[in-house]
PDB file of N, CA and C in Angstrom:
ATOM      1  N   MET A   1       2.866  26.266 -40.132  1.00  0.00           N
ATOM      2  CA  MET A   1       3.211  27.294 -41.020  1.00  0.00           C
ATOM      3  C   MET A   1       4.611  27.863 -40.133  1.00  0.00           C
ATOM      4  N   GLN A   2       5.496  28.030 -40.810  1.00  0.00           N
ATOM      5  CA  GLN A   2       6.922  28.834 -40.244  1.00  0.00           C
ATOM      6  C   GLN A   2       6.893  30.118 -40.338  1.00  0.00           C
ATOM      7  N   LEU A   3       6.456  30.630 -39.088  1.00  0.00           N
ATOM      8  CA  LEU A   3       6.554  32.353 -39.037  1.00  0.00           C
ATOM      9  C   LEU A   3       7.843  33.014 -39.240  1.00  0.00           C
ATOM     10  N   ASP A   4       8.876  32.275 -39.109  1.00  0.00           N
ATOM     11  CA  ASP A   4      10.256  32.734 -39.461  1.00  0.00           C
ATOM     12  C   ASP A   4      10.406  33.262 -40.632  1.00  0.00           C
ATOM     13  N   LEU A   5       9.365  32.747 -41.722  1.00  0.00           N
ATOM     14  CA  LEU A   5       9.748  32.918 -43.218  1.00  0.00           C
ATOM     15  C   LEU A   5       9.223  34.269 -43.337  1.00  0.00           C
ATOM     16  N   PHE A   6       8.156  34.723 -42.903  1.00  0.00           N
ATOM     17  CA  PHE A   6       7.452  36.125 -43.104  1.00  0.00           C
ATOM     18  C   PHE A   6       7.697  37.139 -41.929  1.00  0.00           C
ATOM     19  N   PRO A   7       7.842  38.219 -42.368  1.00  0.00           N
ATOM     20  CA  PRO A   7       8.082  39.479 -41.260  1.00  0.00           C
ATOM     21  C   PRO A   7       6.863  39.341 -40.359  1.00  0.00           C
ATOM     22  N   THR A   8       7.504  39.800 -38.998  1.00  0.00           N
ATOM     23  CA  THR A   8       6.799  40.045 -37.905  1.00  0.00           C
ATOM     24  C   THR A   8       6.873  41.257 -37.091  1.00  0.00           C
ATOM     25  N   TYR A   9       7.790  42.157 -37.975  1.00  0.00           N
ATOM     26  CA  TYR A   9       8.146  43.475 -37.377  1.00  0.00           C
ATOM     27  C   TYR A   9       8.350  44.204 -38.782  1.00  0.00           C
ATOM     28  N   LEU A  10       7.920  45.503 -38.585  1.00  0.00           N
ATOM     29  CA  LEU A  10       8.251  46.567 -39.626  1.00  0.00           C
ATOM     30  C   LEU A  10       8.021  48.011 -39.208  1.00  0.00           C
ATOM     31  N   HIS A  11       9.154  48.502 -39.435  1.00  0.00           N
ATOM     32  CA  HIS A  11       9.213  50.049 -38.930  1.00  0.00           C
ATOM     33  C   HIS A  11       9.275  50.590 -40.135  1.00  0.00           C
ATOM     34  N   LEU A  12       8.299  51.931 -40.182  1.00  0.00           N
ATOM     35  CA  LEU A  12       8.208  52.582 -41.432  1.00  0.00           C
ATOM     36  C   LEU A  12       8.148  53.957 -40.942  1.00  0.00           C
ATOM     37  N   ARG A  13       8.766  54.857 -41.910  1.00  0.00           N
ATOM     38  CA  ARG A  13       8.644  56.504 -41.367  1.00  0.00           C
ATOM     39  C   ARG A  13       8.639  57.228 -42.811  1.00  0.00           C
ATOM     40  N   CYS A  14       7.769  58.532 -42.396  1.00  0.00           N
ATOM     41  CA  CYS A  14       7.939  59.557 -43.600  1.00  0.00           C
ATOM     42  C   CYS A  14       8.416  60.743 -43.457  1.00  0.00           C
ATOM     43  N   ILE A  15       9.267  61.447 -43.999  1.00  0.00           N
ATOM     44  CA  ILE A  15      10.104  62.497 -43.572  1.00  0.00           C
ATOM     45  C   ILE A  15      10.092  63.560 -44.488  1.00  0.00           C
ATOM     46  N   ASP A  16       9.255  64.393 -44.455  1.00  0.00           N
ATOM     47  CA  ASP A  16       9.303  65.782 -45.520  1.00  0.00           C
ATOM     48  C   ASP A  16       9.648  67.194 -44.895  1.00  0.00           C
ATOM     49  N   PRO A  17      10.629  67.382 -44.859  1.00  0.00           N
ATOM     50  CA  PRO A  17      10.995  68.892 -44.067  1.00  0.00           C
ATOM     51  C   PRO A  17      10.054  69.968 -44.477  1.00  0.00           C
ATOM     52  N   ALA A  18       9.957  69.786 -45.845  1.00  0.00           N
ATOM     53  CA  ALA A  18       9.303  71.043 -46.344  1.00  0.00           C
ATOM     54  C   ALA A  18       7.910  71.424 -46.039  1.00  0.00           C
ATOM     55  N   SER A  19       7.365  70.173 -45.572  1.00  0.00           N
ATOM     56  CA  SER A  19       6.009  70.135 -45.193  1.00  0.00           C
ATOM     57  C   SER A  19       5.934  69.918 -43.514  1.00  0.00           C
ATOM     58  N   ASN A  20       7.262  69.911 -42.625  1.00  0.00           N
ATOM     59  CA  ASN A  20       7.246  69.493 -41.233  1.00  0.00           C
ATOM     60  C   ASN A  20       6.479  68.328 -40.927  1.00  0.00           C
ATOM     61  N   LYS A  21       6.646  67.306 -41.902  1.00  0.00           N
ATOM     62  CA  LYS A  21       5.982  65.977 -41.583  1.00  0.00           C
ATOM     63  C   LYS A  21       7.280  65.001 -41.142  1.00  0.00           C
ATOM     64  N   GLN A  22       7.118  64.399 -39.997  1.00  0.00           N
ATOM     65  CA  GLN A  22       7.962  63.507 -39.367  1.00  0.00           C
ATOM     66  C   GLN A  22       7.197  62.372 -38.753  1.00  0.00           C
ATOM     67  N   ARG A  23       6.801  61.455 -39.466  1.00  0.00           N
ATOM     68  CA  ARG A  23       5.661  60.302 -38.993  1.00  0.00           C
ATOM     69  C   ARG A  23       6.587  58.965 -39.082  1.00  0.00           C
ATOM     70  N   PHE A  24       6.101  57.950 -37.952  1.00  0.00           N
ATOM     71  CA  PHE A  24       6.439  56.837 -38.002  1.00  0.00           C
ATOM     72  C   PHE A  24       5.309  55.907 -37.606  1.00  0.00           C
ATOM     73  N   TYR A  25       5.879  54.569 -38.336  1.00  0.00           N
ATOM     74  CA  TYR A  25       4.617  53.395 -37.913  1.00  0.00           C
ATOM     75  C   TYR A  25       5.529  52.534 -37.947  1.00  0.00           C
ATOM     76  N   ALA A  26       5.259  51.615 -36.636  1.00  0.00           N
ATOM     77  CA  ALA A  26       5.714  50.524 -36.055  1.00  0.00           C
ATOM     78  C   ALA A  26       4.836  49.515 -36.028  1.00  0.00           C
ATOM     79  N   LEU A  27       4.884  48.195 -36.825  1.00  0.00           N
ATOM     80  CA  LEU A  27       3.964  47.310 -36.793  1.00  0.00           C
ATOM     81  C   LEU A  27       4.850  45.842 -36.332  1.00  0.00           C
ATOM     82  N   SER A  28       3.972  45.236 -35.785  1.00  0.00           N
ATOM     83  CA  SER A  28       4.645  43.848 -35.248  1.00  0.00           C
ATOM     84  C   SER A  28       3.595  42.843 -34.985  1.00  0.00           C
ATOM     85  N   ILE A  29       3.955  41.627 -35.022  1.00  0.00           N
ATOM     86  CA  ILE A  29       2.896  40.420 -34.669  1.00  0.00           C
ATOM     87  C   ILE A  29       3.678  39.778 -33.424  1.00  0.00           C
ATOM     88  N   GLN A  30       2.599  39.577 -32.471  1.00  0.00           N
ATOM     89  CA  GLN A  30       2.936  38.963 -31.301  1.00  0.00           C
ATOM     90  C   GLN A  30       2.101  37.774 -30.914  1.00  0.00           C
ATOM     91  N   ARG A  31       2.383  36.880 -30.390  1.00  0.00           N
ATOM     92  CA  ARG A  31       1.323  35.506 -29.700  1.00  0.00           C
ATOM     93  C   ARG A  31       0.957  36.250 -28.275  1.00  0.00           C
ATOM     94  N   THR A  32      -0.159  35.954 -27.992  1.00  0.00           N
ATOM     95  CA  THR A  32      -0.671  36.348 -26.552  1.00  0.00           C
ATOM     96  C   THR A  32      -0.589  34.761 -25.517  1.00  0.00           C
ATOM     97  N   LEU A  33      -0.865  35.158 -24.680  1.00  0.00           N
ATOM     98  CA  LEU A  33      -0.559  34.019 -23.380  1.00  0.00           C
ATOM     99  C   LEU A  33      -1.676  32.884 -23.937  1.00  0.00           C
ATOM    100  N   PHE A  34      -2.687  33.163 -24.346  1.00  0.00           N
ATOM    101  CA  PHE A  34      -3.668  32.304 -24.914  1.00  0.00           C
ATOM    102  C   PHE A  34      -3.739  31.595 -26.020  1.00  0.00           C
ATOM    103  N   GLY A  35      -2.472  31.843 -26.688  1.00  0.00           N
ATOM    104  CA  GLY A  35      -2.506  31.133 -28.117  1.00  0.00           C
ATOM    105  C   GLY A  35      -3.050  32.068 -29.266  1.00  0.00           C
ATOM    106  N   GLU A  36      -3.477  33.245 -28.972  1.00  0.00           N
ATOM    107  CA  GLU A  36      -4.055  34.227 -30.106  1.00  0.00           C
ATOM    108  C   GLU A  36      -2.785  34.805 -30.963  1.00  0.00           C
ATOM    109  N   TRP A  37      -3.116  35.518 -31.686  1.00  0.00           N
ATOM    110  CA  TRP A  37      -1.906  36.352 -32.616  1.00  0.00           C
ATOM    111  C   TRP A  37      -2.535  37.658 -32.594  1.00  0.00           C
ATOM    112  N   VAL A  38      -1.812  38.425 -32.188  1.00  0.00           N
ATOM    113  CA  VAL A  38      -2.367  39.887 -32.152  1.00  0.00           C
ATOM    114  C   VAL A  38      -1.127  40.713 -33.095  1.00  0.00           C
ATOM    115  N   PHE A  39      -1.835  41.569 -34.030  1.00  0.00           N
ATOM    116  CA  PHE A  39      -1.267  42.725 -34.726  1.00  0.00           C
ATOM    117  C   PHE A  39      -1.377  43.731 -34.044  1.00  0.00           C
ATOM    118  N   VAL A  40       0.094  44.460 -33.537  1.00  0.00           N
ATOM    119  CA  VAL A  40       0.164  45.506 -32.951  1.00  0.00           C
ATOM    120  C   VAL A  40       0.709  46.674 -33.837  1.00  0.00           C
ATOM    121  N   ARG A  41      -0.240  47.960 -33.855  1.00  0.00           N
ATOM    122  CA  ARG A  41       0.504  49.269 -34.596  1.00  0.00           C
ATOM    123  C   ARG A  41       0.857  50.245 -33.664  1.00  0.00           C
ATOM    124  N   GLU A  42       2.038  50.861 -33.676  1.00  0.00           N
ATOM    125  CA  GLU A  42       2.171  52.252 -33.060  1.00  0.00           C
ATOM    126  C   GLU A  42       2.361  53.110 -34.344  1.00  0.00           C
ATOM    127  N   TRP A  43       1.780  54.484 -34.002  1.00  0.00           N
ATOM    128  CA  TRP A  43       2.274  55.423 -35.038  1.00  0.00           C
ATOM    129  C   TRP A  43       2.099  56.766 -34.524  1.00  0.00           C
ATOM    130  N   GLY A  44       2.709  57.832 -34.903  1.00  0.00           N
ATOM    131  CA  GLY A  44       2.676  59.306 -34.707  1.00  0.00           C
ATOM    132  C   GLY A  44       3.732  59.703 -35.094  1.00  0.00           C
ATOM    133  N   ARG A  45       4.171  61.063 -34.297  1.00  0.00           N
ATOM    134  CA  ARG A  45       5.308  61.916 -35.120  1.00  0.00           C
ATOM    135  C   ARG A  45       6.246  61.525 -34.369  1.00  0.00           C
ATOM    136  N   ILE A  46       7.517  61.456 -35.121  1.00  0.00           N
ATOM    137  CA  ILE A  46       8.640  60.811 -34.503  1.00  0.00           C
ATOM    138  C   ILE A  46       9.363  61.860 -33.383  1.00  0.00           C
ATOM    139  N   GLY A  47       9.608  61.143 -32.378  1.00  0.00           N
ATOM    140  CA  GLY A  47      10.132  61.679 -31.015  1.00  0.00           C
ATOM    141  C   GLY A  47       8.992  61.932 -30.075  1.00  0.00           C
ATOM    142  N   VAL A  48       8.009  61.571 -30.353  1.00  0.00           N
ATOM    143  CA  VAL A  48       6.862  61.781 -29.351  1.00  0.00           C
ATOM    144  C   VAL A  48       5.979  60.299 -29.330  1.00  0.00           C
ATOM    145  N   SER A  49       5.646  59.808 -28.158  1.00  0.00           N
ATOM    146  CA  SER A  49       4.670  58.801 -27.828  1.00  0.00           C
ATOM    147  C   SER A  49       3.682  58.774 -28.729  1.00  0.00           C
ATOM    148  N   GLY A  50       3.560  57.638 -29.467  1.00  0.00           N
ATOM    149  CA  GLY A  50       2.651  57.655 -30.531  1.00  0.00           C
ATOM    150  C   GLY A  50       1.238  56.658 -29.882  1.00  0.00           C
ATOM    151  N   ARG A  51       0.081  56.526 -30.901  1.00  0.00           N
ATOM    152  CA  ARG A  51      -0.693  55.904 -30.626  1.00  0.00           C
ATOM    153  C   ARG A  51      -0.605  54.347 -30.915  1.00  0.00           C
ATOM    154  N   LEU A  52      -1.371  53.544 -29.950  1.00  0.00           N
ATOM    155  CA  LEU A  52      -1.414  52.213 -30.251  1.00  0.00           C
ATOM    156  C   LEU A  52      -2.471  51.510 -30.236  1.00  0.00           C
ATOM    157  N   ARG A  53      -2.718  50.609 -31.104  1.00  0.00           N
ATOM    158  CA  ARG A  53      -3.753  49.635 -31.601  1.00  0.00           C
ATOM    159  C   ARG A  53      -3.352  48.421 -31.885  1.00  0.00           C
ATOM    160  N   SER A  54      -4.124  47.345 -30.904  1.00  0.00           N
ATOM    161  CA  SER A  54      -4.106  45.914 -31.299  1.00  0.00           C
ATOM    162  C   SER A  54      -5.328  45.121 -31.669  1.00  0.00           C
ATOM    163  N   ASP A  55      -5.018  44.348 -32.819  1.00  0.00           N
ATOM    164  CA  ASP A  55      -6.026  43.640 -33.226  1.00  0.00           C
ATOM    165  C   ASP A  55      -5.783  41.966 -33.302  1.00  0.00           C
ATOM    166  N   LEU A  56      -6.644  41.407 -32.596  1.00  0.00           N
ATOM    167  CA  LEU A  56      -6.572  39.930 -32.417  1.00  0.00           C
ATOM    168  C   LEU A  56      -6.930  39.042 -33.994  1.00  0.00           C
ATOM    169  N   TYR A  57      -6.325  38.206 -34.053  1.00  0.00           N
ATOM    170  CA  TYR A  57      -6.409  37.384 -35.263  1.00  0.00           C
ATOM    171  C   TYR A  57      -6.038  35.783 -34.707  1.00  0.00           C
ATOM    172  N   PRO A  58      -7.105  34.844 -35.364  1.00  0.00           N
ATOM    173  CA  PRO A  58      -7.079  33.779 -35.108  1.00  0.00           C
ATOM    174  C   PRO A  58      -5.980  32.553 -35.505  1.00  0.00           C
ATOM    175  N   SER A  59      -5.230  33.169 -36.483  1.00  0.00           N
ATOM    176  CA  SER A  59      -4.162  32.457 -36.720  1.00  0.00           C
ATOM    177  C   SER A  59      -2.583  33.580 -37.247  1.00  0.00           C
ATOM    178  N   ALA A  60      -1.637  33.112 -37.081  1.00  0.00           N
ATOM    179  CA  ALA A  60      -0.625  33.791 -37.974  1.00  0.00           C
ATOM    180  C   ALA A  60      -0.374  34.282 -39.207  1.00  0.00           C
ATOM    181  N   GLY A  61      -1.061  33.370 -39.981  1.00  0.00           N
ATOM    182  CA  GLY A  61      -1.154  33.920 -41.234  1.00  0.00           C
ATOM    183  C   GLY A  61      -1.994  35.081 -41.582  1.00  0.00           C
ATOM    184  N   ARG A  62      -2.980  35.212 -40.807  1.00  0.00           N
ATOM    185  CA  ARG A  62      -4.012  36.232 -41.178  1.00  0.00           C
ATOM    186  C   ARG A  62      -3.176  37.732 -40.729  1.00  0.00           C
ATOM    187  N   ALA A  63      -2.641  37.325 -39.431  1.00  0.00           N
ATOM    188  CA  ALA A  63      -1.977  38.548 -38.802  1.00  0.00           C
ATOM    189  C   ALA A  63      -0.927  39.099 -39.611  1.00  0.00           C
ATOM    190  N   VAL A  64      -0.016  38.159 -40.589  1.00  0.00           N
ATOM    191  CA  VAL A  64       0.956  38.538 -41.144  1.00  0.00           C
ATOM    192  C   VAL A  64       0.386  39.104 -42.461  1.00  0.00           C
ATOM    193  N   ASP A  65      -0.832  38.673 -43.268  1.00  0.00           N
ATOM    194  CA  ASP A  65      -1.528  39.199 -44.363  1.00  0.00           C
ATOM    195  C   ASP A  65      -1.645  40.518 -43.871  1.00  0.00           C
ATOM    196  N   ALA A  66      -2.416  40.791 -42.729  1.00  0.00           N
ATOM    197  CA  ALA A  66      -2.671  42.323 -42.354  1.00  0.00           C
ATOM    198  C   ALA A  66      -1.506  43.254 -42.263  1.00  0.00           C
ATOM    199  N   LEU A  67      -0.577  42.874 -41.733  1.00  0.00           N
ATOM    200  CA  LEU A  67       0.978  43.798 -41.810  1.00  0.00           C
ATOM    201  C   LEU A  67       1.250  44.094 -43.012  1.00  0.00           C
ATOM    202  N   LEU A  68       1.424  42.736 -43.732  1.00  0.00           N
ATOM    203  CA  LEU A  68       1.757  43.321 -45.193  1.00  0.00           C
ATOM    204  C   LEU A  68       1.045  44.324 -45.924  1.00  0.00           C
ATOM    205  N   GLU A  69      -0.374  44.102 -45.775  1.00  0.00           N
ATOM    206  CA  GLU A  69      -1.583  44.863 -46.544  1.00  0.00           C
ATOM    207  C   GLU A  69      -1.127  46.267 -46.054  1.00  0.00           C
ATOM    208  N   LEU A  70      -0.949  46.489 -44.613  1.00  0.00           N
ATOM    209  CA  LEU A  70      -1.002  47.823 -44.483  1.00  0.00           C
ATOM    210  C   LEU A  70       0.636  48.484 -44.518  1.00  0.00           C
ATOM    211  N   GLY A  71       1.477  47.744 -44.460  1.00  0.00           N
ATOM    212  CA  GLY A  71       2.613  48.429 -45.012  1.00  0.00           C
ATOM    213  C   GLY A  71       2.748  48.618 -46.509  1.00  0.00           C
ATOM    214  N   ARG A  72       2.061  47.990 -47.465  1.00  0.00           N
ATOM    215  CA  ARG A  72       1.933  48.321 -48.843  1.00  0.00           C
ATOM    216  C   ARG A  72       0.983  49.746 -48.743  1.00  0.00           C
ATOM    217  N   GLN A  73       0.257  49.727 -48.024  1.00  0.00           N
ATOM    218  CA  GLN A  73      -0.703  50.912 -48.096  1.00  0.00           C
ATOM    219  C   GLN A  73      -0.187  52.206 -47.539  1.00  0.00           C
ATOM    220  N   LYS A  74       0.958  51.968 -46.674  1.00  0.00           N
ATOM    221  CA  LYS A  74       1.776  53.012 -46.039  1.00  0.00           C
ATOM    222  C   LYS A  74       2.920  53.398 -47.004  1.00  0.00           C
ATOM    223  N   ARG A  75       3.091  52.439 -47.450  1.00  0.00           N
ATOM    224  CA  ARG A  75       4.735  52.803 -48.528  1.00  0.00           C
ATOM    225  C   ARG A  75       4.109  53.666 -49.872  1.00  0.00           C
ATOM    226  N   ARG A  76       2.638  53.207 -50.288  1.00  0.00           N
ATOM    227  CA  ARG A  76       2.155  54.078 -51.465  1.00  0.00           C
ATOM    228  C   ARG A  76       1.718  55.647 -51.087  1.00  0.00           C
ATOM    229  N   ARG A  77       2.061  55.687 -49.797  1.00  0.00           N
ATOM    230  CA  ARG A  77       1.643  56.880 -49.207  1.00  0.00           C
ATOM    231  C   ARG A  77       3.028  57.804 -49.137  1.00  0.00           C
ATOM    232  N   GLY A  78       4.004  57.090 -49.088  1.00  0.00           N
ATOM    233  CA  GLY A  78       5.270  57.793 -49.004  1.00  0.00           C
ATOM    234  C   GLY A  78       6.507  57.277 -47.810  1.00  0.00           C
ATOM    235  N   TYR A  79       5.794  56.360 -46.973  1.00  0.00           N
ATOM    236  CA  TYR A  79       6.466  55.792 -45.938  1.00  0.00           C
ATOM    237  C   TYR A  79       7.665  55.204 -46.593  1.00  0.00           C
ATOM    238  N   GLN A  80       8.781  54.925 -45.926  1.00  0.00           N
ATOM    239  CA  GLN A  80       9.794  54.005 -46.188  1.00  0.00           C
ATOM    240  C   GLN A  80      10.138  53.058 -45.049  1.00  0.00           C
ATOM    241  N   ALA A  81      10.481  51.697 -45.475  1.00  0.00           N
ATOM    242  CA  ALA A  81      11.209  50.984 -44.482  1.00  0.00           C
ATOM    243  C   ALA A  81      12.384  51.297 -43.957  1.00  0.00           C
ATOM    244  N   VAL A  82      12.533  51.295 -42.388  1.00  0.00           N
ATOM    245  CA  VAL A  82      13.524  51.659 -41.646  1.00  0.00           C
ATOM    246  C   VAL A  82      14.478  50.222 -41.570  1.00  0.00           C
ATOM    247  N   ILE A  83      15.595  50.195 -41.896  1.00  0.00           N
ATOM    248  CA  ILE A  83      16.380  48.795 -41.582  1.00  0.00           C
ATOM    249  C   ILE A  83      17.326  49.227 -40.565  1.00  0.00           C
ATOM    250  N   SER A  84      17.274  48.130 -39.559  1.00  0.00           N
ATOM    251  CA  SER A  84      17.903  48.583 -38.166  1.00  0.00           C
ATOM    252  C   SER A  84      18.836  47.278 -38.037  1.00  0.00           C
TER     253      SER A  84
END
């Protein structure tokens, strides 16, 4: 599998001044020292340290699938990708 063809990092944010909503999601895929793949997600209010969660996956493909699925879910809830 050529991991460079698939996204390994996604930064999303949802801003709605009317409801004082300023949230972010940072999703990434990383390889551990032991050859496993970890899907790391950080989320919270913009400007504040967010919560962090890491999930291990046996392959890069499954980790990429998890990243893409969560990205789809968040976009349906109003989050937009941040291009840097």
